[in-house]
Every structure is written in C-alpha cells, then in structure tokens.
C-alpha atoms as a PDB file:
ATOM      1  CA  MET A   1      23.424   3.997  14.109  1.00  0.00           C
ATOM      2  CA  TYR A   2      21.793   4.651  10.734  1.00  0.00           C
ATOM      3  CA  ALA A   3      20.412   1.122  10.338  1.00  0.00           C
ATOM      4  CA  GLY A   4      19.084   1.045  13.892  1.00  0.00           C
ATOM      5  CA  PHE A   5      17.289   4.389  14.211  1.00  0.00           C
ATOM      6  CA  PHE A   6      17.728   6.923  11.414  1.00  0.00           C
ATOM      7  CA  LYS A   7      16.721   4.501   8.663  1.00  0.00           C
ATOM      8  CA  ARG A   8      13.349   3.969  10.341  1.00  0.00           C
ATOM      9  CA  LEU A   9      12.956   7.714  10.911  1.00  0.00           C
ATOM     10  CA  LEU A  10      13.698   8.325   7.241  1.00  0.00           C
ATOM     11  CA  ASP A  11      11.146   5.676   6.263  1.00  0.00           C
ATOM     12  CA  VAL A  12       8.404   7.458   8.207  1.00  0.00           C
ATOM     13  CA  ILE A  13       9.272  10.956   6.969  1.00  0.00           C
ATOM     14  CA  LEU A  14       9.494   9.877   3.330  1.00  0.00           C
ATOM     15  CA  GLY A  15       6.432   7.661   3.708  1.00  0.00           C
ATOM     16  CA  VAL A  16       4.179  10.433   5.005  1.00  0.00           C
ATOM     17  CA  THR A  17       5.540  12.841   2.381  1.00  0.00           C
ATOM     18  CA  ALA A  18       4.994  10.320  -0.419  1.00  0.00           C
ATOM     19  CA  LEU A  19       1.457   9.594   0.752  1.00  0.00           C
ATOM     20  CA  PHE A  20       0.623  13.301   0.688  1.00  0.00           C
ATOM     21  CA  ILE A  21       2.018  13.655  -2.851  1.00  0.00           C
ATOM     22  CA  LEU A  22       0.609  10.417  -4.252  1.00  0.00           C
ATOM     23  CA  ILE A  23      -2.867  10.414  -2.749  1.00  0.00           C
ATOM     24  CA  VAL A  24      -4.563  11.810  -5.884  1.00  0.00           C
ATOM     25  CA  PRO A  25      -2.728   9.514  -8.370  1.00  0.00           C
ATOM     26  CA  MET A  26      -3.503   6.556  -6.088  1.00  0.00           C
ATOM     27  CA  LEU A  27      -7.197   7.424  -6.078  1.00  0.00           C
ATOM     28  CA  ILE A  28      -7.162   7.576  -9.884  1.00  0.00           C
ATOM     29  CA  ILE A  29      -5.435   4.190 -10.093  1.00  0.00           C
ATOM     30  CA  ALA A  30      -7.912   2.718  -7.604  1.00  0.00           C
ATOM     31  CA  ALA A  31     -10.800   3.866  -9.774  1.00  0.00           C
ATOM     32  CA  ALA A  32      -9.166   2.408 -12.903  1.00  0.00           C
ATOM     33  CA  VAL A  33      -8.634  -0.958 -11.182  1.00  0.00           C
ATOM     34  CA  LYS A  34     -12.284  -1.121 -10.135  1.00  0.00           C
ATOM     35  CA  ILE A  35     -13.598  -0.104 -13.542  1.00  0.00           C
ATOM     36  CA  ASP A  36     -11.396  -2.657 -15.322  1.00  0.00           C
ATOM     37  CA  ASP A  37     -12.643  -5.543 -13.155  1.00  0.00           C
ATOM     38  CA  PRO A  38     -15.669  -4.502 -11.028  1.00  0.00           C
ATOM     39  CA  LYS A  39     -15.959  -7.922  -9.360  1.00  0.00           C
ATOM     40  CA  GLY A  40     -12.639  -7.662  -7.578  1.00  0.00           C
ATOM     41  CA  THR A  41     -11.256  -5.479  -4.828  1.00  0.00           C
ATOM     42  CA  VAL A  42      -9.053  -2.431  -5.402  1.00  0.00           C
ATOM     43  CA  PHE A  43      -6.229  -3.702  -3.231  1.00  0.00           C
ATOM     44  CA  PHE A  44      -4.509  -7.068  -3.271  1.00  0.00           C
ATOM     45  CA  LYS A  45      -3.281  -8.237   0.130  1.00  0.00           C
ATOM     46  CA  GLN A  46      -0.963 -11.173   0.568  1.00  0.00           C
ATOM     47  CA  THR A  47       0.905 -12.645   3.532  1.00  0.00           C
ATOM     48  CA  ARG A  48       4.664 -12.186   3.265  1.00  0.00           C
ATOM     49  CA  VAL A  49       7.616 -12.956   5.530  1.00  0.00           C
ATOM     50  CA  GLY A  50       8.652  -9.857   7.439  1.00  0.00           C
ATOM     51  CA  ARG A  51      11.331  -8.891   9.913  1.00  0.00           C
ATOM     52  CA  ASN A  52      12.444 -11.796  12.130  1.00  0.00           C
ATOM     53  CA  GLY A  53      10.037 -14.085  10.289  1.00  0.00           C
ATOM     54  CA  LYS A  54       6.932 -12.204  11.429  1.00  0.00           C
ATOM     55  CA  PRO A  55       4.181 -12.415   8.795  1.00  0.00           C
ATOM     56  CA  PHE A  56       2.472  -9.288   7.528  1.00  0.00           C
ATOM     57  CA  LYS A  57      -0.030  -8.379   4.833  1.00  0.00           C
ATOM     58  CA  ILE A  58       1.646  -6.638   1.909  1.00  0.00           C
ATOM     59  CA  MET A  59      -0.552  -4.232  -0.039  1.00  0.00           C
ATOM     60  CA  LYS A  60      -0.651  -3.728  -3.795  1.00  0.00           C
ATOM     61  CA  PHE A  61      -3.099  -2.470  -6.335  1.00  0.00           C
ATOM     62  CA  ARG A  62      -4.810  -5.560  -7.751  1.00  0.00           C
ATOM     63  CA  SER A  63      -3.447  -6.372 -11.175  1.00  0.00           C
ATOM     64  CA  MET A  64      -4.993  -9.823 -11.713  1.00  0.00           C
ATOM     65  CA  HIS A  65      -8.588 -10.845 -12.364  1.00  0.00           C
ATOM     66  CA  SER A  66     -10.639 -11.692  -9.298  1.00  0.00           C
ATOM     67  CA  ASP A  67     -10.709 -15.424 -10.159  1.00  0.00           C
ATOM     68  CA  THR A  68      -6.895 -15.747 -10.342  1.00  0.00           C
ATOM     69  CA  PRO A  69      -5.339 -18.423  -8.047  1.00  0.00           C
ATOM     70  CA  LYS A  70      -4.138 -16.638  -4.940  1.00  0.00           C
ATOM     71  CA  HIS A  71      -1.093 -16.893  -2.718  1.00  0.00           C
ATOM     72  CA  LEU A  72       1.613 -17.608  -5.266  1.00  0.00           C
ATOM     73  CA  PRO A  73       4.309 -15.443  -6.830  1.00  0.00           C
ATOM     74  CA  SER A  74       3.501 -14.176 -10.305  1.00  0.00           C
ATOM     75  CA  HIS A  75       6.784 -15.492 -11.657  1.00  0.00           C
ATOM     76  CA  MET A  76       5.429 -18.998 -11.125  1.00  0.00           C
ATOM     77  CA  PHE A  77       2.801 -18.480 -13.818  1.00  0.00           C
ATOM     78  CA  SER A  78       3.437 -19.870 -17.264  1.00  0.00           C
ATOM     79  CA  PRO A  79       3.412 -17.174 -20.004  1.00  0.00           C
ATOM     80  CA  GLU A  80      -0.031 -18.355 -21.090  1.00  0.00           C
ATOM     81  CA  ASP A  81      -1.497 -18.218 -17.582  1.00  0.00           C
ATOM     82  CA  TYR A  82       0.019 -14.802 -16.943  1.00  0.00           C
ATOM     83  CA  GLU A  83      -1.651 -13.377 -20.039  1.00  0.00           C
ATOM     84  CA  LYS A  84      -4.898 -15.078 -19.075  1.00  0.00           C
ATOM     85  CA  HIS A  85      -5.052 -13.671 -15.547  1.00  0.00           C
ATOM     86  CA  VAL A  86      -3.544 -10.171 -15.771  1.00  0.00           C
ATOM     87  CA  THR A  87      -6.003  -7.319 -16.304  1.00  0.00           C
ATOM     88  CA  ARG A  88      -5.555  -4.568 -18.871  1.00  0.00           C
ATOM     89  CA  ILE A  89      -4.757  -1.924 -16.288  1.00  0.00           C
ATOM     90  CA  GLY A  90      -2.825  -4.528 -14.303  1.00  0.00           C
ATOM     91  CA  ARG A  91      -0.378  -5.113 -17.148  1.00  0.00           C
ATOM     92  CA  PHE A  92       0.439  -1.415 -17.193  1.00  0.00           C
ATOM     93  CA  LEU A  93       0.666  -1.175 -13.410  1.00  0.00           C
ATOM     94  CA  ARG A  94       3.059  -4.116 -13.165  1.00  0.00           C
ATOM     95  CA  ARG A  95       5.347  -2.934 -15.948  1.00  0.00           C
ATOM     96  CA  THR A  96       5.584   0.519 -14.372  1.00  0.00           C
ATOM     97  CA  SER A  97       5.644  -0.832 -10.777  1.00  0.00           C
ATOM     98  CA  LEU A  98       2.717   1.441  -9.923  1.00  0.00           C
ATOM     99  CA  ASP A  99       0.962  -1.563  -8.388  1.00  0.00           C
ATOM    100  CA  GLU A 100       3.501  -1.288  -5.556  1.00  0.00           C
ATOM    101  CA  LEU A 101       2.419   2.215  -4.466  1.00  0.00           C
ATOM    102  CA  PRO A 102       0.099   1.053  -1.630  1.00  0.00           C
ATOM    103  CA  GLN A 103       3.156  -0.378   0.105  1.00  0.00           C
ATOM    104  CA  VAL A 104       3.758   3.138   1.386  1.00  0.00           C
ATOM    105  CA  PHE A 105       1.180   2.148   4.041  1.00  0.00           C
ATOM    106  CA  ASN A 106       3.326  -0.892   4.926  1.00  0.00           C
ATOM    107  CA  ILE A 107       6.351   1.378   5.241  1.00  0.00           C
ATOM    108  CA  ILE A 108       4.606   3.871   7.520  1.00  0.00           C
ATOM    109  CA  ALA A 109       3.266   0.985   9.648  1.00  0.00           C
ATOM    110  CA  GLY A 110       6.780  -0.413  10.093  1.00  0.00           C
ATOM    111  CA  ASP A 111       6.280  -3.666   8.185  1.00  0.00           C
ATOM    112  CA  MET A 112       8.642  -2.554   5.437  1.00  0.00           C
ATOM    113  CA  SER A 113      11.389  -0.082   4.612  1.00  0.00           C
ATOM    114  CA  TRP A 114      11.998   1.886   1.426  1.00  0.00           C
ATOM    115  CA  VAL A 115      15.120  -0.173   0.748  1.00  0.00           C
ATOM    116  CA  GLY A 116      15.812  -3.743   1.833  1.00  0.00           C
ATOM    117  CA  PRO A 117      15.393  -7.371   0.744  1.00  0.00           C
ATOM    118  CA  ARG A 118      12.093  -7.777  -1.106  1.00  0.00           C
ATOM    119  CA  PRO A 119       9.473  -9.599   1.034  1.00  0.00           C
ATOM    120  CA  VAL A 120       8.769 -13.176  -0.018  1.00  0.00           C
ATOM    121  CA  LEU A 121       6.007 -15.707   0.487  1.00  0.00           C
ATOM    122  CA  ALA A 122       6.403 -18.241   3.285  1.00  0.00           C
ATOM    123  CA  LYS A 123       6.494 -21.057   0.714  1.00  0.00           C
ATOM    124  CA  GLU A 124       9.445 -19.541  -1.145  1.00  0.00           C
ATOM    125  CA  LYS A 125      11.702 -21.556   1.097  1.00  0.00           C
ATOM    126  CA  GLU A 126      14.854 -21.571  -0.999  1.00  0.00           C
ATOM    127  CA  LEU A 127      15.186 -17.795  -0.977  1.00  0.00           C
ATOM    128  CA  THR A 128      14.048 -17.511   2.646  1.00  0.00           C
ATOM    129  CA  GLU A 129      16.577 -20.094   3.809  1.00  0.00           C
ATOM    130  CA  ALA A 130      19.365 -18.487   1.798  1.00  0.00           C
ATOM    131  CA  ARG A 131      18.604 -15.146   3.444  1.00  0.00           C
ATOM    132  CA  ASN A 132      18.490 -16.750   6.884  1.00  0.00           C
ATOM    133  CA  ALA A 133      21.870 -18.330   6.285  1.00  0.00           C
ATOM    134  CA  ALA A 134      23.195 -14.889   5.397  1.00  0.00           C
ATOM    135  CA  GLY A 135      21.863 -13.420   8.648  1.00  0.00           C
ATOM    136  CA  LEU A 136      19.266 -11.175   6.981  1.00  0.00           C
ATOM    137  CA  SER A 137      16.153 -12.124   8.955  1.00  0.00           C
ATOM    138  CA  GLY A 138      16.501  -9.150  11.299  1.00  0.00           C
ATOM    139  CA  PHE A 139      16.120  -6.559   8.540  1.00  0.00           C
ATOM    140  CA  ARG A 140      12.854  -5.096   7.334  1.00  0.00           C
ATOM    141  CA  PRO A 141      11.926  -6.071   3.769  1.00  0.00           C
ATOM    142  CA  GLY A 142      12.027  -3.221   1.279  1.00  0.00           C
ATOM    143  CA  LEU A 143       9.909  -1.633  -1.411  1.00  0.00           C
ATOM    144  CA  THR A 144      13.048  -1.890  -3.501  1.00  0.00           C
ATOM    145  CA  GLY A 145      16.391  -3.540  -2.912  1.00  0.00           C
ATOM    146  CA  TRP A 146      19.898  -4.090  -4.188  1.00  0.00           C
ATOM    147  CA  ALA A 147      18.785  -7.336  -5.843  1.00  0.00           C
ATOM    148  CA  GLN A 148      15.961  -5.501  -7.643  1.00  0.00           C
ATOM    149  CA  ILE A 149      18.451  -3.036  -9.036  1.00  0.00           C
ATOM    150  CA  ASN A 150      20.793  -5.762 -10.227  1.00  0.00           C
ATOM    151  CA  GLY A 151      18.387  -7.980 -12.099  1.00  0.00           C
ATOM    152  CA  ARG A 152      14.917  -7.914 -10.604  1.00  0.00           C
ATOM    153  CA  ASN A 153      12.916 -10.997 -11.682  1.00  0.00           C
ATOM    154  CA  THR A 154      15.721 -12.343 -13.881  1.00  0.00           C
ATOM    155  CA  LEU A 155      17.845 -13.375 -10.875  1.00  0.00           C
ATOM    156  CA  THR A 156      17.919 -16.808  -9.284  1.00  0.00           C
ATOM    157  CA  ASP A 157      17.102 -17.181  -5.593  1.00  0.00           C
ATOM    158  CA  GLU A 158      20.791 -17.613  -4.765  1.00  0.00           C
ATOM    159  CA  GLU A 159      21.714 -14.479  -6.685  1.00  0.00           C
ATOM    160  CA  LYS A 160      18.988 -12.497  -4.938  1.00  0.00           C
ATOM    161  CA  ALA A 161      20.249 -13.626  -1.533  1.00  0.00           C
ATOM    162  CA  ARG A 162      23.813 -12.668  -2.439  1.00  0.00           C
ATOM    163  CA  TYR A 163      22.810  -9.155  -3.481  1.00  0.00           C
ATOM    164  CA  ASP A 164      20.629  -8.785  -0.370  1.00  0.00           C
ATOM    165  CA  ALA A 165      23.589  -9.792   1.789  1.00  0.00           C
ATOM    166  CA  GLU A 166      25.793  -7.267   0.048  1.00  0.00           C
ATOM    167  CA  TYR A 167      23.227  -4.542   0.713  1.00  0.00           C
ATOM    168  CA  VAL A 168      23.265  -5.282   4.449  1.00  0.00           C
ATOM    169  CA  GLN A 169      27.056  -4.993   4.464  1.00  0.00           C
ATOM    170  CA  ARG A 170      26.956  -1.637   2.658  1.00  0.00           C
ATOM    171  CA  ILE A 171      23.874  -0.149   4.294  1.00  0.00           C
ATOM    172  CA  SER A 172      24.060   3.621   4.775  1.00  0.00           C
ATOM    173  CA  PHE A 173      22.036   6.753   4.054  1.00  0.00           C
ATOM    174  CA  THR A 174      24.054   7.395   0.889  1.00  0.00           C
ATOM    175  CA  PHE A 175      23.628   3.838  -0.352  1.00  0.00           C
ATOM    176  CA  ASP A 176      19.878   3.901   0.317  1.00  0.00           C
ATOM    177  CA  MET A 177      19.549   7.134  -1.663  1.00  0.00           C
ATOM    178  CA  TYR A 178      21.561   5.581  -4.499  1.00  0.00           C
ATOM    179  CA  CYS A 179      19.291   2.506  -4.502  1.00  0.00           C
ATOM    180  CA  MET A 180      16.148   4.632  -4.639  1.00  0.00           C
ATOM    181  CA  LEU A 181      17.435   6.811  -7.479  1.00  0.00           C
ATOM    182  CA  LYS A 182      18.640   3.751  -9.374  1.00  0.00           C
ATOM    183  CA  THR A 183      15.237   2.130  -8.885  1.00  0.00           C
ATOM    184  CA  ALA A 184      13.498   5.149 -10.406  1.00  0.00           C
ATOM    185  CA  LYS A 185      15.709   4.823 -13.480  1.00  0.00           C
ATOM    186  CA  ILE A 186      15.013   1.094 -13.789  1.00  0.00           C
ATOM    187  CA  VAL A 187      11.257   1.631 -13.487  1.00  0.00           C
ATOM    188  CA  VAL A 188      11.392   4.106 -16.365  1.00  0.00           C
ATOM    189  CA  THR A 189      13.517   1.817 -18.581  1.00  0.00           C
ATOM    190  CA  LYS A 190      11.722  -1.390 -17.411  1.00  0.00           C
ATOM    191  CA  LYS A 191      15.118  -3.081 -17.181  1.00  0.00           C
ATOM    192  CA  GLY A 192      14.930  -6.551 -15.673  1.00  0.00           C
ATOM    193  CA  PHE A 193      11.135  -6.788 -15.864  1.00  0.00           C
ATOM    194  CA  GLN A 194      10.046 -10.368 -16.426  1.00  0.00           C
ATOM    195  CA  GLU A 195       6.716 -11.993 -15.699  1.00  0.00           C
ATOM    196  CA  GLY A 196       5.275 -15.412 -16.308  1.00  0.00           C
ATOM    197  CA  THR A 197       8.414 -16.905 -17.776  1.00  0.00           C
ATOM    198  CA  ASN A 198      10.310 -18.687 -15.025  1.00  0.00           C
ATOM    199  CA  ARG A 199       8.486 -21.941 -14.365  1.00  0.00           C
ATOM    200  CA  GLN A 200       5.142 -23.650 -14.197  1.00  0.00           C
ATOM    201  CA  TYR A 201       3.085 -23.643 -11.031  1.00  0.00           C
ATOM    202  CA  ASP A 202       1.018 -26.309  -9.367  1.00  0.00           C
ATOM    203  CA  PRO A 203      -2.505 -24.874  -8.956  1.00  0.00           C
ATOM    204  CA  SER A 204      -3.173 -27.365  -6.148  1.00  0.00           C
ATOM    205  CA  VAL A 205      -0.567 -25.712  -3.914  1.00  0.00           C
ATOM    206  CA  ASP A 206      -1.956 -23.366  -1.299  1.00  0.00           C
ATOM    207  CA  PHE A 207       0.808 -20.922  -0.536  1.00  0.00           C
ATOM    208  CA  GLU A 208      -0.736 -19.953   2.797  1.00  0.00           C
ATOM    209  CA  ALA A 209      -1.453 -23.476   3.982  1.00  0.00           C
ATOM    210  CA  ALA A 210       0.447 -24.487   7.104  1.00  0.00           C
ATOM    211  CA  GLU A 211       1.689 -20.935   7.355  1.00  0.00           C
ATOM    212  CA  GLU A 212       2.444 -21.266  11.034  1.00  0.00           C
ATOM    213  CA  PHE A 213       4.907 -24.018  10.115  1.00  0.00           C
ATOM    214  CA  SER A 214       6.371 -22.373   7.023  1.00  0.00           C
ATOM    215  CA  LEU A 215       7.245 -19.155   8.826  1.00  0.00           C
ATOM    216  CA  GLN A 216       9.375 -20.930  11.431  1.00  0.00           C
ATOM    217  CA  TYR A 217      13.061 -20.335  10.905  1.00  0.00           C
ATOM    218  CA  ASP A 218      15.422 -23.268  11.166  1.00  0.00           C
ATOM    219  CA  ALA A 219      18.041 -22.344  13.730  1.00  0.00           C
ATOM    220  CA  THR A 220      20.592 -24.530  12.000  1.00  0.00           C
ATOM    221  CA  LEU A 221      20.485 -22.172   9.024  1.00  0.00           C
ATOM    222  CA  SER A 222      21.874 -19.223  10.945  1.00  0.00           C
ATOM    223  CA  GLY A 223      25.375 -18.203   9.947  1.00  0.00           C
ATOM    224  CA  ASP A 224      27.686 -15.358   9.213  1.00  0.00           C
ATOM    225  CA  ILE A 225      28.083 -13.557   5.965  1.00  0.00           C
ATOM    226  CA  GLY A 226      31.356 -12.235   4.655  1.00  0.00           C
ATOM    227  CA  LEU A 227      32.556 -10.314   1.638  1.00  0.00           C
ATOM    228  CA  ARG A 228      35.469 -10.999  -0.621  1.00  0.00           C
ATOM    229  CA  THR A 229      36.828  -8.405  -2.996  1.00  0.00           C
ATOM    230  CA  LEU A 230      36.810  -9.438  -6.628  1.00  0.00           C
ATOM    231  CA  GLY A 231      40.372  -9.553  -7.862  1.00  0.00           C
ATOM    232  CA  ASP A 232      41.978  -6.975 -10.140  1.00  0.00           C
ATOM    233  CA  GLN A 233      38.884  -4.836 -10.616  1.00  0.00           C
ATOM    234  CA  LYS A 234      39.140  -1.077 -10.860  1.00  0.00           C
ATOM    235  CA  ASP A 235      36.064  -0.418  -8.760  1.00  0.00           C
ATOM    236  CA  THR A 236      35.153  -1.596  -5.278  1.00  0.00           C
ATOM    237  CA  GLU A 237      32.594  -4.189  -6.329  1.00  0.00           C
ATOM    238  CA  LYS A 238      32.304  -6.937  -3.773  1.00  0.00           C
ATOM    239  CA  GLU A 239      30.774 -10.358  -3.848  1.00  0.00           C
ATOM    240  CA  PRO A 240      29.196 -11.860  -0.687  1.00  0.00           C
ATOM    241  CA  THR A 241      30.257 -15.333   0.328  1.00  0.00           C
ATOM    242  CA  TYR A 242      28.352 -17.619   2.670  1.00  0.00           C
ATOM    243  CA  ALA A 243      29.920 -19.065   5.779  1.00  0.00           C
ATOM    244  CA  GLY A 244      31.252 -22.543   5.240  1.00  0.00           C
ATOM    245  CA  LYS A 245      31.174 -22.186   1.445  1.00  0.00           C
END
C-alpha cells in the first residue's frame, strides 16, 4: 500500500514543501553558477533511465564548464579531466550535493522519488541490467537511495544493484525516513564522496547516441530477487541474492 500510493503522495507533499523552503537558496545558487561561468546555462539537463525504462530529463545545477563533454557520468572522468572541467562553484556544489536540489522538480513531476535507486544513463548498461535482473525497473529512481547511503560513488555496479534490491525488499515509510535522515548526515560528513577516480572515459562515445535502442530492456534479464540472512549476526542485516546465482 505504501509503495503504491502513499509513497507518491509523500513525494508530492515533501516536494512542494521543499520547493517553498528552498526557492531563495536555489535562486542564490543559480546566480552563483551563472557568475562563475557566464557562457553556460544555470541548469544541467541529462537523459536518464526512469521507471519502466522510460527516459526523462534529470535536472541539476550545472557544475561543469560549458565546453565539458556531455552525456557521460562524472565518475568516468580521470582525476585530471575532472579538475579541468569542474567550475569553482561546481566543486562546492558537488561535494555538498547542492547541485542535486533542482531534482525537486523531477520529484514533483513524478519522474523521481525522494528515495529509490539513483537514475542512470542509458549507456550504463551493467548497472541497468543488474537492476533489471533484480526486478527493479518498475520503481521510480530516487534523489537518494540505500546504495548512496552505503558507499555512494565508491561502490561497484554490482554492489549498487544489491543495495537497491535490498531497499525494494525493505521499502516502508519508516525506512524512507531513515534513508533521508542518513543521507543528510552523509552530505554533512561527505562520506563516500568520490569524483574523477574510477576509470578513464572515451571522449568519442556519445552517451545519448542510439538512445532508443539503449533504453530497451532485455526481457531475458527479468528475474526474481531474494534475500538471505547473514549468519550469526546480532542485527537483521540482509544481503540480496540474484535468482539463479
């Protein structure tokens, strides 16, 4: 019941409330972004995979220079390229996650939820396929998620999918509130923040090319997701296991 109706209702109520509270800080940030790099736009929009594979435009405050290669995840930059492309205000916005604030519009519009699997690019196939195999395609992507809380950018794609699957199994109002409060703590401590350190990128790759093909889900990837309790632990921590594994 919560996941089907009340979660969406909560998203709208909190979204409208947050927009009312944050409108002045967002205007200040928008001005700072424009002053720092006048050639670029205030907002950065990028196509991501949404609920049931439907693409949508995610919104962020722009944190990279206007001439930065588009349509690729920032973790695919080398450390040198990350430092080259990030703006002064952008570095601060990314470390504090303030660049994510415009996603409140995505939440109100129904593209996203406050809590859920983080939306990915169509070309991030490994993570997308792992989530499909876990039966997660029917859930709205979130501003934050269980994977973000448990490692953020330091996790592998497989680890992210496992945490996302665990979230779906434990989804509830109480768990969503816990995730949001935990996220606030992580933002303050910057735990798990990592940019431009994972791997090199190929600048010739267009991450929106052949999008109509990339967003198609392979039906053979569908499967069930189960949970097994970790042995002899005092708490109730659970680890998701994929069907057939």
